[in-house]
PDB file of N, CA and C in Angstrom:
ATOM      1  N   UNK A   1       0.828  -1.192   0.000  1.00  0.00           N
ATOM      2  CA  UNK A   1       0.000   0.000   0.000  1.00  0.00           C
ATOM      3  C   UNK A   1       0.873   1.257   0.000  1.00  0.00           C
ATOM      4  N   UNK A   2       1.905   1.248   0.850  1.00  0.00           N
ATOM      5  CA  UNK A   2       2.782   2.402   0.954  1.00  0.00           C
ATOM      6  C   UNK A   2       3.517   2.657  -0.360  1.00  0.00           C
ATOM      7  N   UNK A   3       3.945   1.595  -1.034  1.00  0.00           N
ATOM      8  CA  UNK A   3       4.651   1.760  -2.315  1.00  0.00           C
ATOM      9  C   UNK A   3       3.719   2.307  -3.392  1.00  0.00           C
ATOM     10  N   UNK A   4       2.447   1.955  -3.340  1.00  0.00           N
ATOM     11  CA  UNK A   4       1.485   2.492  -4.302  1.00  0.00           C
ATOM     12  C   UNK A   4       1.311   3.995  -4.111  1.00  0.00           C
ATOM     13  N   UNK A   5       1.277   4.445  -2.864  1.00  0.00           N
ATOM     14  CA  UNK A   5       1.148   5.874  -2.590  1.00  0.00           C
ATOM     15  C   UNK A   5       2.388   6.635  -3.051  1.00  0.00           C
ATOM     16  N   UNK A   6       3.560   6.052  -2.855  1.00  0.00           N
ATOM     17  CA  UNK A   6       4.803   6.691  -3.293  1.00  0.00           C
ATOM     18  C   UNK A   6       4.819   6.794  -4.819  1.00  0.00           C
ATOM     19  N   UNK A   7       4.414   5.733  -5.502  1.00  0.00           N
ATOM     20  CA  UNK A   7       4.357   5.766  -6.966  1.00  0.00           C
ATOM     21  C   UNK A   7       3.378   6.826  -7.448  1.00  0.00           C
ATOM     22  N   UNK A   8       2.201   6.898  -6.816  1.00  0.00           N
ATOM     23  CA  UNK A   8       1.195   7.881  -7.195  1.00  0.00           C
ATOM     24  C   UNK A   8       1.717   9.304  -6.986  1.00  0.00           C
ATOM     25  N   UNK A   9       2.383   9.541  -5.864  1.00  0.00           N
ATOM     26  CA  UNK A   9       2.946  10.871  -5.582  1.00  0.00           C
ATOM     27  C   UNK A   9       4.014  11.227  -6.609  1.00  0.00           C
ATOM     28  N   UNK A  10       4.811  10.261  -7.016  1.00  0.00           N
ATOM     29  CA  UNK A  10       5.846  10.508  -8.025  1.00  0.00           C
ATOM     30  C   UNK A  10       5.234  10.872  -9.368  1.00  0.00           C
ATOM     31  N   UNK A  11       4.173  10.179  -9.749  1.00  0.00           N
ATOM     32  CA  UNK A  11       3.498  10.468 -11.017  1.00  0.00           C
ATOM     33  C   UNK A  11       2.903  11.870 -11.000  1.00  0.00           C
ATOM     34  N   UNK A  12       2.255  12.245  -9.904  1.00  0.00           N
ATOM     35  CA  UNK A  12       1.662  13.583  -9.787  1.00  0.00           C
ATOM     36  C   UNK A  12       2.751  14.645  -9.855  1.00  0.00           C
ATOM     37  N   UNK A  13       3.843  14.458  -9.137  1.00  0.00           N
ATOM     38  CA  UNK A  13       4.942  15.437  -9.145  1.00  0.00           C
ATOM     39  C   UNK A  13       5.532  15.572 -10.538  1.00  0.00           C
ATOM     40  N   UNK A  14       5.698  14.470 -11.243  1.00  0.00           N
ATOM     41  CA  UNK A  14       6.244  14.498 -12.598  1.00  0.00           C
ATOM     42  C   UNK A  14       5.310  15.230 -13.551  1.00  0.00           C
ATOM     43  N   UNK A  15       4.004  14.975 -13.448  1.00  0.00           N
ATOM     44  CA  UNK A  15       3.068  15.638 -14.358  1.00  0.00           C
ATOM     45  C   UNK A  15       2.997  17.137 -14.092  1.00  0.00           C
ATOM     46  N   UNK A  16       3.117  17.549 -12.838  1.00  0.00           N
ATOM     47  CA  UNK A  16       3.107  18.982 -12.516  1.00  0.00           C
ATOM     48  C   UNK A  16       4.363  19.647 -13.056  1.00  0.00           C
ATOM     49  N   UNK A  17       5.517  19.034 -12.845  1.00  0.00           N
ATOM     50  CA  UNK A  17       6.763  19.639 -13.324  1.00  0.00           C
ATOM     51  C   UNK A  17       6.800  19.677 -14.846  1.00  0.00           C
ATOM     52  N   UNK A  18       6.252  18.681 -15.513  1.00  0.00           N
ATOM     53  CA  UNK A  18       6.207  18.674 -16.978  1.00  0.00           C
ATOM     54  C   UNK A  18       5.339  19.805 -17.488  1.00  0.00           C
ATOM     55  N   UNK A  19       4.177  20.035 -16.873  1.00  0.00           N
ATOM     56  CA  UNK A  19       3.288  21.096 -17.352  1.00  0.00           C
ATOM     57  C   UNK A  19       3.882  22.472 -17.089  1.00  0.00           C
ATOM     58  N   UNK A  20       4.652  22.637 -16.031  1.00  0.00           N
ATOM     59  CA  UNK A  20       5.286  23.921 -15.742  1.00  0.00           C
ATOM     60  C   UNK A  20       6.329  24.243 -16.807  1.00  0.00           C
ATOM     61  N   UNK A  21       7.158  23.265 -17.151  1.00  0.00           N
ATOM     62  CA  UNK A  21       8.213  23.503 -18.130  1.00  0.00           C
ATOM     63  C   UNK A  21       7.685  23.566 -19.551  1.00  0.00           C
ATOM     64  N   UNK A  22       6.527  23.008 -19.823  1.00  0.00           N
ATOM     65  CA  UNK A  22       5.958  23.060 -21.176  1.00  0.00           C
ATOM     66  C   UNK A  22       5.340  24.412 -21.473  1.00  0.00           C
ATOM     67  N   UNK A  23       5.211  25.272 -20.471  1.00  0.00           N
ATOM     68  CA  UNK A  23       4.518  26.548 -20.621  1.00  0.00           C
ATOM     69  C   UNK A  23       5.216  27.585 -21.467  1.00  0.00           C
ATOM     70  N   UNK A  24       6.483  27.478 -21.723  1.00  0.00           N
ATOM     71  CA  UNK A  24       7.139  28.504 -22.529  1.00  0.00           C
ATOM     72  C   UNK A  24       8.626  28.302 -22.604  1.00  0.00           C
ATOM     73  N   UNK A  25       9.284  29.225 -23.273  1.00  0.00           N
ATOM     74  CA  UNK A  25      10.726  29.171 -23.471  1.00  0.00           C
ATOM     75  C   UNK A  25      11.406  29.752 -22.241  1.00  0.00           C
ATOM     76  N   UNK A  26      12.175  28.927 -21.556  1.00  0.00           N
ATOM     77  CA  UNK A  26      12.855  29.383 -20.349  1.00  0.00           C
ATOM     78  C   UNK A  26      14.331  29.644 -20.603  1.00  0.00           C
ATOM     79  N   UNK A  27      14.732  29.603 -21.884  1.00  0.00           N
ATOM     80  CA  UNK A  27      16.139  29.728 -22.224  1.00  0.00           C
ATOM     81  C   UNK A  27      16.639  31.153 -22.251  1.00  0.00           C
ATOM     82  N   UNK A  28      15.795  32.127 -22.542  1.00  0.00           N
ATOM     83  CA  UNK A  28      16.267  33.507 -22.634  1.00  0.00           C
ATOM     84  C   UNK A  28      15.286  34.430 -21.936  1.00  0.00           C
ATOM     85  N   UNK A  29      15.821  35.290 -21.143  1.00  0.00           N
ATOM     86  CA  UNK A  29      15.002  36.268 -20.439  1.00  0.00           C
ATOM     87  C   UNK A  29      15.551  37.644 -20.744  1.00  0.00           C
ATOM     88  N   UNK A  30      14.658  38.578 -20.940  1.00  0.00           N
ATOM     89  CA  UNK A  30      15.091  39.922 -21.283  1.00  0.00           C
ATOM     90  C   UNK A  30      14.310  40.916 -20.453  1.00  0.00           C
ATOM     91  N   UNK A  31      14.956  41.985 -20.072  1.00  0.00           N
ATOM     92  CA  UNK A  31      14.259  43.019 -19.316  1.00  0.00           C
ATOM     93  C   UNK A  31      13.632  44.046 -20.246  1.00  0.00           C
ATOM     94  N   UNK A  32      13.842  43.883 -21.570  1.00  0.00           N
ATOM     95  CA  UNK A  32      13.255  44.796 -22.536  1.00  0.00           C
ATOM     96  C   UNK A  32      11.762  44.532 -22.663  1.00  0.00           C
ATOM     97  N   UNK A  33      10.962  45.577 -22.898  1.00  0.00           N
ATOM     98  CA  UNK A  33       9.537  45.355 -23.120  1.00  0.00           C
ATOM     99  C   UNK A  33       9.337  44.530 -24.391  1.00  0.00           C
ATOM    100  N   UNK A  34       8.277  43.735 -24.385  1.00  0.00           N
ATOM    101  CA  UNK A  34       8.000  42.876 -25.528  1.00  0.00           C
ATOM    102  C   UNK A  34       7.321  43.679 -26.622  1.00  0.00           C
ATOM    103  N   UNK A  35       7.801  43.515 -27.834  1.00  0.00           N
ATOM    104  CA  UNK A  35       7.215  44.156 -29.000  1.00  0.00           C
ATOM    105  C   UNK A  35       5.866  43.498 -29.292  1.00  0.00           C
ATOM    106  N   UNK A  36       4.770  44.277 -29.390  1.00  0.00           N
ATOM    107  CA  UNK A  36       3.451  43.687 -29.650  1.00  0.00           C
ATOM    108  C   UNK A  36       3.418  42.848 -30.926  1.00  0.00           C
ATOM    109  N   UNK A  37       4.189  43.247 -31.943  1.00  0.00           N
ATOM    110  CA  UNK A  37       4.191  42.465 -33.182  1.00  0.00           C
ATOM    111  C   UNK A  37       4.788  41.086 -32.945  1.00  0.00           C
ATOM    112  N   UNK A  38       5.818  40.998 -32.100  1.00  0.00           N
ATOM    113  CA  UNK A  38       6.396  39.689 -31.828  1.00  0.00           C
ATOM    114  C   UNK A  38       5.424  38.844 -30.988  1.00  0.00           C
ATOM    115  N   UNK A  39       4.610  39.477 -30.160  1.00  0.00           N
ATOM    116  CA  UNK A  39       3.601  38.760 -29.390  1.00  0.00           C
ATOM    117  C   UNK A  39       2.560  38.147 -30.320  1.00  0.00           C
ATOM    118  N   UNK A  40       2.171  38.868 -31.372  1.00  0.00           N
ATOM    119  CA  UNK A  40       1.209  38.322 -32.327  1.00  0.00           C
ATOM    120  C   UNK A  40       1.762  37.056 -32.944  1.00  0.00           C
ATOM    121  N   UNK A  41       3.022  37.071 -33.292  1.00  0.00           N
ATOM    122  CA  UNK A  41       3.652  35.897 -33.870  1.00  0.00           C
ATOM    123  C   UNK A  41       3.664  34.733 -32.906  1.00  0.00           C
ATOM    124  N   UNK A  42       3.918  35.016 -31.636  1.00  0.00           N
ATOM    125  CA  UNK A  42       3.932  33.958 -30.634  1.00  0.00           C
ATOM    126  C   UNK A  42       2.536  33.363 -30.481  1.00  0.00           C
ATOM    127  N   UNK A  43       1.512  34.214 -30.473  1.00  0.00           N
ATOM    128  CA  UNK A  43       0.152  33.708 -30.346  1.00  0.00           C
ATOM    129  C   UNK A  43      -0.210  32.833 -31.531  1.00  0.00           C
ATOM    130  N   UNK A  44       0.191  33.234 -32.722  1.00  0.00           N
ATOM    131  CA  UNK A  44      -0.098  32.439 -33.903  1.00  0.00           C
ATOM    132  C   UNK A  44       0.611  31.101 -33.813  1.00  0.00           C
ATOM    133  N   UNK A  45       1.856  31.086 -33.367  1.00  0.00           N
ATOM    134  CA  UNK A  45       2.591  29.837 -33.248  1.00  0.00           C
ATOM    135  C   UNK A  45       1.915  28.914 -32.250  1.00  0.00           C
ATOM    136  N   UNK A  46       1.408  29.462 -31.134  1.00  0.00           N
ATOM    137  CA  UNK A  46       0.733  28.634 -30.148  1.00  0.00           C
ATOM    138  C   UNK A  46      -0.515  27.996 -30.743  1.00  0.00           C
ATOM    139  N   UNK A  47      -1.311  28.757 -31.498  1.00  0.00           N
ATOM    140  CA  UNK A  47      -2.520  28.192 -32.073  1.00  0.00           C
ATOM    141  C   UNK A  47      -2.190  27.200 -33.169  1.00  0.00           C
ATOM    142  N   UNK A  48      -1.066  27.425 -33.888  1.00  0.00           N
ATOM    143  CA  UNK A  48      -0.672  26.487 -34.923  1.00  0.00           C
ATOM    144  C   UNK A  48      -0.241  25.158 -34.321  1.00  0.00           C
ATOM    145  N   UNK A  49       0.350  25.184 -33.139  1.00  0.00           N
ATOM    146  CA  UNK A  49       0.800  23.948 -32.526  1.00  0.00           C
ATOM    147  C   UNK A  49      -0.338  23.258 -31.781  1.00  0.00           C
ATOM    148  N   UNK A  50      -1.387  23.984 -31.454  1.00  0.00           N
ATOM    149  CA  UNK A  50      -2.530  23.398 -30.804  1.00  0.00           C
ATOM    150  C   UNK A  50      -3.257  22.492 -31.795  1.00  0.00           C
ATOM    151  N   UNK A  51      -3.741  21.382 -31.330  1.00  0.00           N
ATOM    152  CA  UNK A  51      -4.444  20.468 -32.224  1.00  0.00           C
ATOM    153  C   UNK A  51      -5.779  21.072 -32.640  1.00  0.00           C
ATOM    154  N   UNK A  52      -6.037  21.021 -33.937  1.00  0.00           N
ATOM    155  CA  UNK A  52      -7.272  21.572 -34.483  1.00  0.00           C
ATOM    156  C   UNK A  52      -8.399  20.551 -34.333  1.00  0.00           C
ATOM    157  N   UNK A  53      -9.609  21.060 -34.116  1.00  0.00           N
ATOM    158  CA  UNK A  53     -10.795  20.239 -33.943  1.00  0.00           C
ATOM    159  C   UNK A  53     -11.784  20.573 -35.040  1.00  0.00           C
ATOM    160  N   UNK A  54     -12.447  19.570 -35.562  1.00  0.00           N
ATOM    161  CA  UNK A  54     -13.474  19.801 -36.576  1.00  0.00           C
ATOM    162  C   UNK A  54     -14.765  20.203 -35.906  1.00  0.00           C
ATOM    163  N   UNK A  55     -15.494  21.109 -36.568  1.00  0.00           N
ATOM    164  CA  UNK A  55     -16.768  21.530 -36.030  1.00  0.00           C
ATOM    165  C   UNK A  55     -17.689  22.042 -37.118  1.00  0.00           C
ATOM    166  N   UNK A  56     -18.937  22.251 -36.739  1.00  0.00           N
ATOM    167  CA  UNK A  56     -19.934  22.827 -37.635  1.00  0.00           C
ATOM    168  C   UNK A  56     -20.562  24.016 -36.922  1.00  0.00           C
ATOM    169  N   UNK A  57     -20.617  25.152 -37.621  1.00  0.00           N
ATOM    170  CA  UNK A  57     -21.199  26.365 -37.050  1.00  0.00           C
ATOM    171  C   UNK A  57     -22.715  26.183 -36.965  1.00  0.00           C
ATOM    172  N   UNK A  58     -23.249  26.329 -35.762  1.00  0.00           N
ATOM    173  CA  UNK A  58     -24.691  26.237 -35.546  1.00  0.00           C
ATOM    174  C   UNK A  58     -25.323  27.613 -35.386  1.00  0.00           C
ATOM    175  N   UNK A  59     -24.555  28.556 -34.798  1.00  0.00           N
ATOM    176  CA  UNK A  59     -25.085  29.902 -34.559  1.00  0.00           C
ATOM    177  C   UNK A  59     -23.905  30.846 -34.359  1.00  0.00           C
ATOM    178  N   UNK A  60     -24.061  32.089 -34.822  1.00  0.00           N
ATOM    179  CA  UNK A  60     -23.025  33.101 -34.631  1.00  0.00           C
ATOM    180  C   UNK A  60     -23.671  34.344 -34.035  1.00  0.00           C
ATOM    181  N   UNK A  61     -23.066  34.880 -32.986  1.00  0.00           N
ATOM    182  CA  UNK A  61     -23.487  36.156 -32.410  1.00  0.00           C
ATOM    183  C   UNK A  61     -22.292  37.098 -32.524  1.00  0.00           C
ATOM    184  N   UNK A  62     -22.246  37.823 -33.641  1.00  0.00           N
ATOM    185  CA  UNK A  62     -21.081  38.680 -33.903  1.00  0.00           C
ATOM    186  C   UNK A  62     -21.007  39.856 -32.935  1.00  0.00           C
ATOM    187  N   UNK A  63     -22.125  40.262 -32.347  1.00  0.00           N
ATOM    188  CA  UNK A  63     -22.109  41.378 -31.382  1.00  0.00           C
ATOM    189  C   UNK A  63     -21.356  41.000 -30.106  1.00  0.00           C
ATOM    190  N   UNK A  64     -21.514  39.769 -29.670  1.00  0.00           N
ATOM    191  CA  UNK A  64     -20.850  39.333 -28.437  1.00  0.00           C
ATOM    192  C   UNK A  64     -19.575  38.541 -28.705  1.00  0.00           C
ATOM    193  N   UNK A  65     -19.321  38.208 -29.983  1.00  0.00           N
ATOM    194  CA  UNK A  65     -18.122  37.434 -30.322  1.00  0.00           C
ATOM    195  C   UNK A  65     -18.238  35.985 -29.917  1.00  0.00           C
ATOM    196  N   UNK A  66     -19.469  35.459 -29.927  1.00  0.00           N
ATOM    197  CA  UNK A  66     -19.682  34.059 -29.535  1.00  0.00           C
ATOM    198  C   UNK A  66     -20.181  33.252 -30.723  1.00  0.00           C
ATOM    199  N   UNK A  67     -19.803  31.984 -30.730  1.00  0.00           N
ATOM    200  CA  UNK A  67     -20.208  31.080 -31.787  1.00  0.00           C
ATOM    201  C   UNK A  67     -20.580  29.735 -31.158  1.00  0.00           C
ATOM    202  N   UNK A  68     -21.689  29.168 -31.636  1.00  0.00           N
ATOM    203  CA  UNK A  68     -22.101  27.844 -31.187  1.00  0.00           C
ATOM    204  C   UNK A  68     -21.586  26.835 -32.208  1.00  0.00           C
ATOM    205  N   UNK A  69     -20.827  25.857 -31.720  1.00  0.00           N
ATOM    206  CA  UNK A  69     -20.236  24.848 -32.592  1.00  0.00           C
ATOM    207  C   UNK A  69     -20.644  23.449 -32.143  1.00  0.00           C
ATOM    208  N   UNK A  70     -21.015  22.625 -33.118  1.00  0.00           N
ATOM    209  CA  UNK A  70     -21.148  21.192 -32.888  1.00  0.00           C
ATOM    210  C   UNK A  70     -19.776  20.641 -33.245  1.00  0.00           C
ATOM    211  N   UNK A  71     -19.070  20.088 -32.271  1.00  0.00           N
ATOM    212  CA  UNK A  71     -17.669  19.745 -32.502  1.00  0.00           C
ATOM    213  C   UNK A  71     -17.342  18.304 -32.166  1.00  0.00           C
ATOM    214  N   UNK A  72     -16.228  17.871 -32.727  1.00  0.00           N
ATOM    215  CA  UNK A  72     -15.671  16.569 -32.383  1.00  0.00           C
ATOM    216  C   UNK A  72     -14.914  16.673 -31.068  1.00  0.00           C
ATOM    217  N   UNK A  73     -14.204  15.623 -30.720  1.00  0.00           N
ATOM    218  CA  UNK A  73     -13.435  15.609 -29.479  1.00  0.00           C
ATOM    219  C   UNK A  73     -12.371  16.708 -29.498  1.00  0.00           C
ATOM    220  N   UNK A  74     -12.302  17.478 -28.416  1.00  0.00           N
ATOM    221  CA  UNK A  74     -11.246  18.476 -28.252  1.00  0.00           C
ATOM    222  C   UNK A  74     -10.193  17.823 -27.370  1.00  0.00           C
ATOM    223  N   UNK A  75      -9.151  17.307 -28.016  1.00  0.00           N
ATOM    224  CA  UNK A  75      -8.176  16.466 -27.318  1.00  0.00           C
ATOM    225  C   UNK A  75      -7.385  17.219 -26.266  1.00  0.00           C
ATOM    226  N   UNK A  76      -6.997  18.494 -26.534  1.00  0.00           N
ATOM    227  CA  UNK A  76      -6.181  19.206 -25.545  1.00  0.00           C
ATOM    228  C   UNK A  76      -6.962  19.529 -24.271  1.00  0.00           C
ATOM    229  N   UNK A  77      -8.287  19.435 -24.323  1.00  0.00           N
ATOM    230  CA  UNK A  77      -9.106  19.655 -23.125  1.00  0.00           C
ATOM    231  C   UNK A  77      -9.757  18.361 -22.636  1.00  0.00           C
ATOM    232  N   UNK A  78      -9.484  17.261 -23.327  1.00  0.00           N
ATOM    233  CA  UNK A  78     -10.095  15.966 -23.023  1.00  0.00           C
ATOM    234  C   UNK A  78     -11.614  16.095 -22.954  1.00  0.00           C
ATOM    235  N   UNK A  79     -12.181  16.787 -23.974  1.00  0.00           N
ATOM    236  CA  UNK A  79     -13.609  17.048 -24.017  1.00  0.00           C
ATOM    237  C   UNK A  79     -14.247  16.195 -25.118  1.00  0.00           C
ATOM    238  N   UNK A  80     -15.304  15.463 -24.785  1.00  0.00           N
ATOM    239  CA  UNK A  80     -15.958  14.639 -25.799  1.00  0.00           C
ATOM    240  C   UNK A  80     -16.745  15.502 -26.795  1.00  0.00           C
ATOM    241  N   UNK A  81     -17.144  14.919 -27.919  1.00  0.00           N
ATOM    242  CA  UNK A  81     -17.945  15.665 -28.893  1.00  0.00           C
ATOM    243  C   UNK A  81     -19.250  16.157 -28.272  1.00  0.00           C
ATOM    244  N   UNK A  82     -19.645  17.377 -28.632  1.00  0.00           N
ATOM    245  CA  UNK A  82     -20.893  17.972 -28.141  1.00  0.00           C
ATOM    246  C   UNK A  82     -21.151  19.268 -28.893  1.00  0.00           C
ATOM    247  N   UNK A  83     -22.225  19.938 -28.565  1.00  0.00           N
ATOM    248  CA  UNK A  83     -22.533  21.256 -29.113  1.00  0.00           C
ATOM    249  C   UNK A  83     -22.458  22.238 -27.963  1.00  0.00           C
ATOM    250  N   UNK A  84     -21.680  23.323 -28.152  1.00  0.00           N
ATOM    251  CA  UNK A  84     -21.555  24.314 -27.088  1.00  0.00           C
ATOM    252  C   UNK A  84     -21.155  25.673 -27.645  1.00  0.00           C
ATOM    253  N   UNK A  85     -21.253  26.689 -26.809  1.00  0.00           N
ATOM    254  CA  UNK A  85     -20.924  28.064 -27.174  1.00  0.00           C
ATOM    255  C   UNK A  85     -19.486  28.361 -26.770  1.00  0.00           C
ATOM    256  N   UNK A  86     -18.746  28.980 -27.690  1.00  0.00           N
ATOM    257  CA  UNK A  86     -17.380  29.414 -27.433  1.00  0.00           C
ATOM    258  C   UNK A  86     -17.289  30.916 -27.669  1.00  0.00           C
ATOM    259  N   UNK A  87     -16.366  31.559 -26.982  1.00  0.00           N
ATOM    260  CA  UNK A  87     -16.060  32.973 -27.230  1.00  0.00           C
ATOM    261  C   UNK A  87     -14.827  33.039 -28.117  1.00  0.00           C
ATOM    262  N   UNK A  88     -14.878  33.957 -29.088  1.00  0.00           N
ATOM    263  CA  UNK A  88     -13.693  34.188 -29.918  1.00  0.00           C
ATOM    264  C   UNK A  88     -12.798  35.165 -29.181  1.00  0.00           C
ATOM    265  N   UNK A  89     -11.483  34.958 -29.254  1.00  0.00           N
ATOM    266  CA  UNK A  89     -10.559  35.906 -28.616  1.00  0.00           C
ATOM    267  C   UNK A  89     -10.782  37.291 -29.193  1.00  0.00           C
ATOM    268  N   UNK A  90     -11.065  37.347 -30.508  1.00  0.00           N
ATOM    269  CA  UNK A  90     -11.367  38.603 -31.180  1.00  0.00           C
ATOM    270  C   UNK A  90     -12.595  38.372 -32.053  1.00  0.00           C
ATOM    271  N   UNK A  91     -13.592  39.259 -31.975  1.00  0.00           N
ATOM    272  CA  UNK A  91     -14.823  39.099 -32.743  1.00  0.00           C
ATOM    273  C   UNK A  91     -14.545  39.010 -34.240  1.00  0.00           C
ATOM    274  N   UNK A  92     -13.458  39.632 -34.700  1.00  0.00           N
ATOM    275  CA  UNK A  92     -13.114  39.609 -36.126  1.00  0.00           C
ATOM    276  C   UNK A  92     -12.838  38.189 -36.620  1.00  0.00           C
ATOM    277  N   UNK A  93     -12.500  37.286 -35.728  1.00  0.00           N
ATOM    278  CA  UNK A  93     -12.242  35.898 -36.121  1.00  0.00           C
ATOM    279  C   UNK A  93     -13.483  35.246 -36.723  1.00  0.00           C
ATOM    280  N   UNK A  94     -14.656  35.762 -36.366  1.00  0.00           N
ATOM    281  CA  UNK A  94     -15.903  35.143 -36.815  1.00  0.00           C
ATOM    282  C   UNK A  94     -16.396  35.711 -38.137  1.00  0.00           C
ATOM    283  N   UNK A  95     -15.737  36.767 -38.635  1.00  0.00           N
ATOM    284  CA  UNK A  95     -16.146  37.367 -39.903  1.00  0.00           C
ATOM    285  C   UNK A  95     -16.014  36.349 -41.028  1.00  0.00           C
ATOM    286  N   UNK A  96     -17.008  36.306 -41.879  1.00  0.00           N
ATOM    287  CA  UNK A  96     -16.992  35.399 -43.020  1.00  0.00           C
ATOM    288  C   UNK A  96     -17.527  34.014 -42.717  1.00  0.00           C
ATOM    289  N   UNK A  97     -17.826  33.730 -41.454  1.00  0.00           N
ATOM    290  CA  UNK A  97     -18.404  32.434 -41.098  1.00  0.00           C
ATOM    291  C   UNK A  97     -19.924  32.522 -41.162  1.00  0.00           C
ATOM    292  N   UNK A  98     -20.546  31.425 -41.561  1.00  0.00           N
ATOM    293  CA  UNK A  98     -22.000  31.363 -41.646  1.00  0.00           C
ATOM    294  C   UNK A  98     -22.499  30.080 -41.007  1.00  0.00           C
ATOM    295  N   UNK A  99     -23.757  30.105 -40.598  1.00  0.00           N
ATOM    296  CA  UNK A  99     -24.390  28.918 -40.051  1.00  0.00           C
ATOM    297  C   UNK A  99     -24.261  27.788 -41.072  1.00  0.00           C
ATOM    298  N   UNK A 100     -23.852  26.616 -40.611  1.00  0.00           N
ATOM    299  CA  UNK A 100     -23.695  25.454 -41.479  1.00  0.00           C
ATOM    300  C   UNK A 100     -22.287  25.235 -41.994  1.00  0.00           C
ATOM    301  N   UNK A 101     -21.403  26.241 -41.836  1.00  0.00           N
ATOM    302  CA  UNK A 101     -20.012  26.090 -42.295  1.00  0.00           C
ATOM    303  C   UNK A 101     -19.299  25.011 -41.493  1.00  0.00           C
ATOM    304  N   UNK A 102     -18.504  24.208 -42.195  1.00  0.00           N
ATOM    305  CA  UNK A 102     -17.605  23.261 -41.531  1.00  0.00           C
ATOM    306  C   UNK A 102     -16.302  24.000 -41.264  1.00  0.00           C
ATOM    307  N   UNK A 103     -15.789  23.884 -40.039  1.00  0.00           N
ATOM    308  CA  UNK A 103     -14.607  24.633 -39.634  1.00  0.00           C
ATOM    309  C   UNK A 103     -13.599  23.726 -38.936  1.00  0.00           C
ATOM    310  N   UNK A 104     -12.375  24.216 -38.877  1.00  0.00           N
ATOM    311  CA  UNK A 104     -11.339  23.684 -38.006  1.00  0.00           C
ATOM    312  C   UNK A 104     -11.033  24.784 -37.012  1.00  0.00           C
ATOM    313  N   UNK A 105     -10.913  24.437 -35.734  1.00  0.00           N
ATOM    314  CA  UNK A 105     -10.660  25.470 -34.732  1.00  0.00           C
ATOM    315  C   UNK A 105      -9.778  24.937 -33.616  1.00  0.00           C
ATOM    316  N   UNK A 106      -9.171  25.885 -32.910  1.00  0.00           N
ATOM    317  CA  UNK A 106      -8.384  25.577 -31.715  1.00  0.00           C
ATOM    318  C   UNK A 106      -8.961  26.400 -30.578  1.00  0.00           C
ATOM    319  N   UNK A 107      -8.965  25.827 -29.399  1.00  0.00           N
ATOM    320  CA  UNK A 107      -9.541  26.492 -28.230  1.00  0.00           C
ATOM    321  C   UNK A 107      -8.586  26.338 -27.049  1.00  0.00           C
ATOM    322  N   UNK A 108      -8.503  27.395 -26.222  1.00  0.00           N
ATOM    323  CA  UNK A 108      -7.608  27.346 -25.068  1.00  0.00           C
ATOM    324  C   UNK A 108      -8.339  26.825 -23.834  1.00  0.00           C
ATOM    325  N   UNK A 109      -7.640  26.792 -22.713  1.00  0.00           N
ATOM    326  CA  UNK A 109      -8.187  26.277 -21.453  1.00  0.00           C
ATOM    327  C   UNK A 109      -9.398  27.061 -20.955  1.00  0.00           C
ATOM    328  N   UNK A 110      -9.528  28.323 -21.402  1.00  0.00           N
ATOM    329  CA  UNK A 110     -10.644  29.176 -20.964  1.00  0.00           C
ATOM    330  C   UNK A 110     -11.820  29.126 -21.922  1.00  0.00           C
ATOM    331  N   UNK A 111     -11.796  28.166 -22.834  1.00  0.00           N
ATOM    332  CA  UNK A 111     -12.854  27.974 -23.827  1.00  0.00           C
ATOM    333  C   UNK A 111     -12.938  29.128 -24.822  1.00  0.00           C
ATOM    334  N   UNK A 112     -11.830  29.817 -25.028  1.00  0.00           N
ATOM    335  CA  UNK A 112     -11.766  30.883 -26.034  1.00  0.00           C
ATOM    336  C   UNK A 112     -11.176  30.314 -27.316  1.00  0.00           C
ATOM    337  N   UNK A 113     -11.807  30.632 -28.437  1.00  0.00           N
ATOM    338  CA  UNK A 113     -11.283  30.183 -29.719  1.00  0.00           C
ATOM    339  C   UNK A 113     -10.054  31.017 -30.036  1.00  0.00           C
ATOM    340  N   UNK A 114      -8.944  30.346 -30.250  1.00  0.00           N
ATOM    341  CA  UNK A 114      -7.697  31.031 -30.587  1.00  0.00           C
ATOM    342  C   UNK A 114      -7.472  31.067 -32.083  1.00  0.00           C
ATOM    343  N   UNK A 115      -8.104  30.139 -32.815  1.00  0.00           N
ATOM    344  CA  UNK A 115      -7.963  30.090 -34.265  1.00  0.00           C
ATOM    345  C   UNK A 115      -9.186  29.358 -34.823  1.00  0.00           C
ATOM    346  N   UNK A 116      -9.740  29.888 -35.914  1.00  0.00           N
ATOM    347  CA  UNK A 116     -10.860  29.227 -36.578  1.00  0.00           C
ATOM    348  C   UNK A 116     -10.766  29.515 -38.062  1.00  0.00           C
ATOM    349  N   UNK A 117     -11.032  28.481 -38.868  1.00  0.00           N
ATOM    350  CA  UNK A 117     -10.979  28.648 -40.323  1.00  0.00           C
ATOM    351  C   UNK A 117     -11.986  27.706 -40.963  1.00  0.00           C
ATOM    352  N   UNK A 118     -12.523  28.140 -42.111  1.00  0.00           N
ATOM    353  CA  UNK A 118     -13.425  27.285 -42.873  1.00  0.00           C
ATOM    354  C   UNK A 118     -12.642  26.112 -43.418  1.00  0.00           C
ATOM    355  N   UNK A 119     -13.287  24.964 -43.454  1.00  0.00           N
ATOM    356  CA  UNK A 119     -12.671  23.766 -44.011  1.00  0.00           C
ATOM    357  C   UNK A 119     -12.761  23.741 -45.506  1.00  0.00           C
TER     358      UNK A 119
END
């Protein structure tokens, strides 16, 4: 019993340390302010590396920046397929989308769409 608890504690500690180090580049630190243009590039890279999920647009509320999607499994959130409302990080992301469109999208931990495109 005691060895099982030690193994479990080791697994938890390893998973926490892995998620901390996966959060960003720890190799270079600068005291200079970050250029907003370079931040845009970083955000795009993060969404590009995030696994895309297939979905179908069910409803769009461009005033609030929300979209209802019937989606497949969202693997990075361990979420099964369902229909739900997501907020776009920027309302402009929803421009050009229509009800019934098939899309690929990425979503962050806060259920905000970081990237969406027509299929």
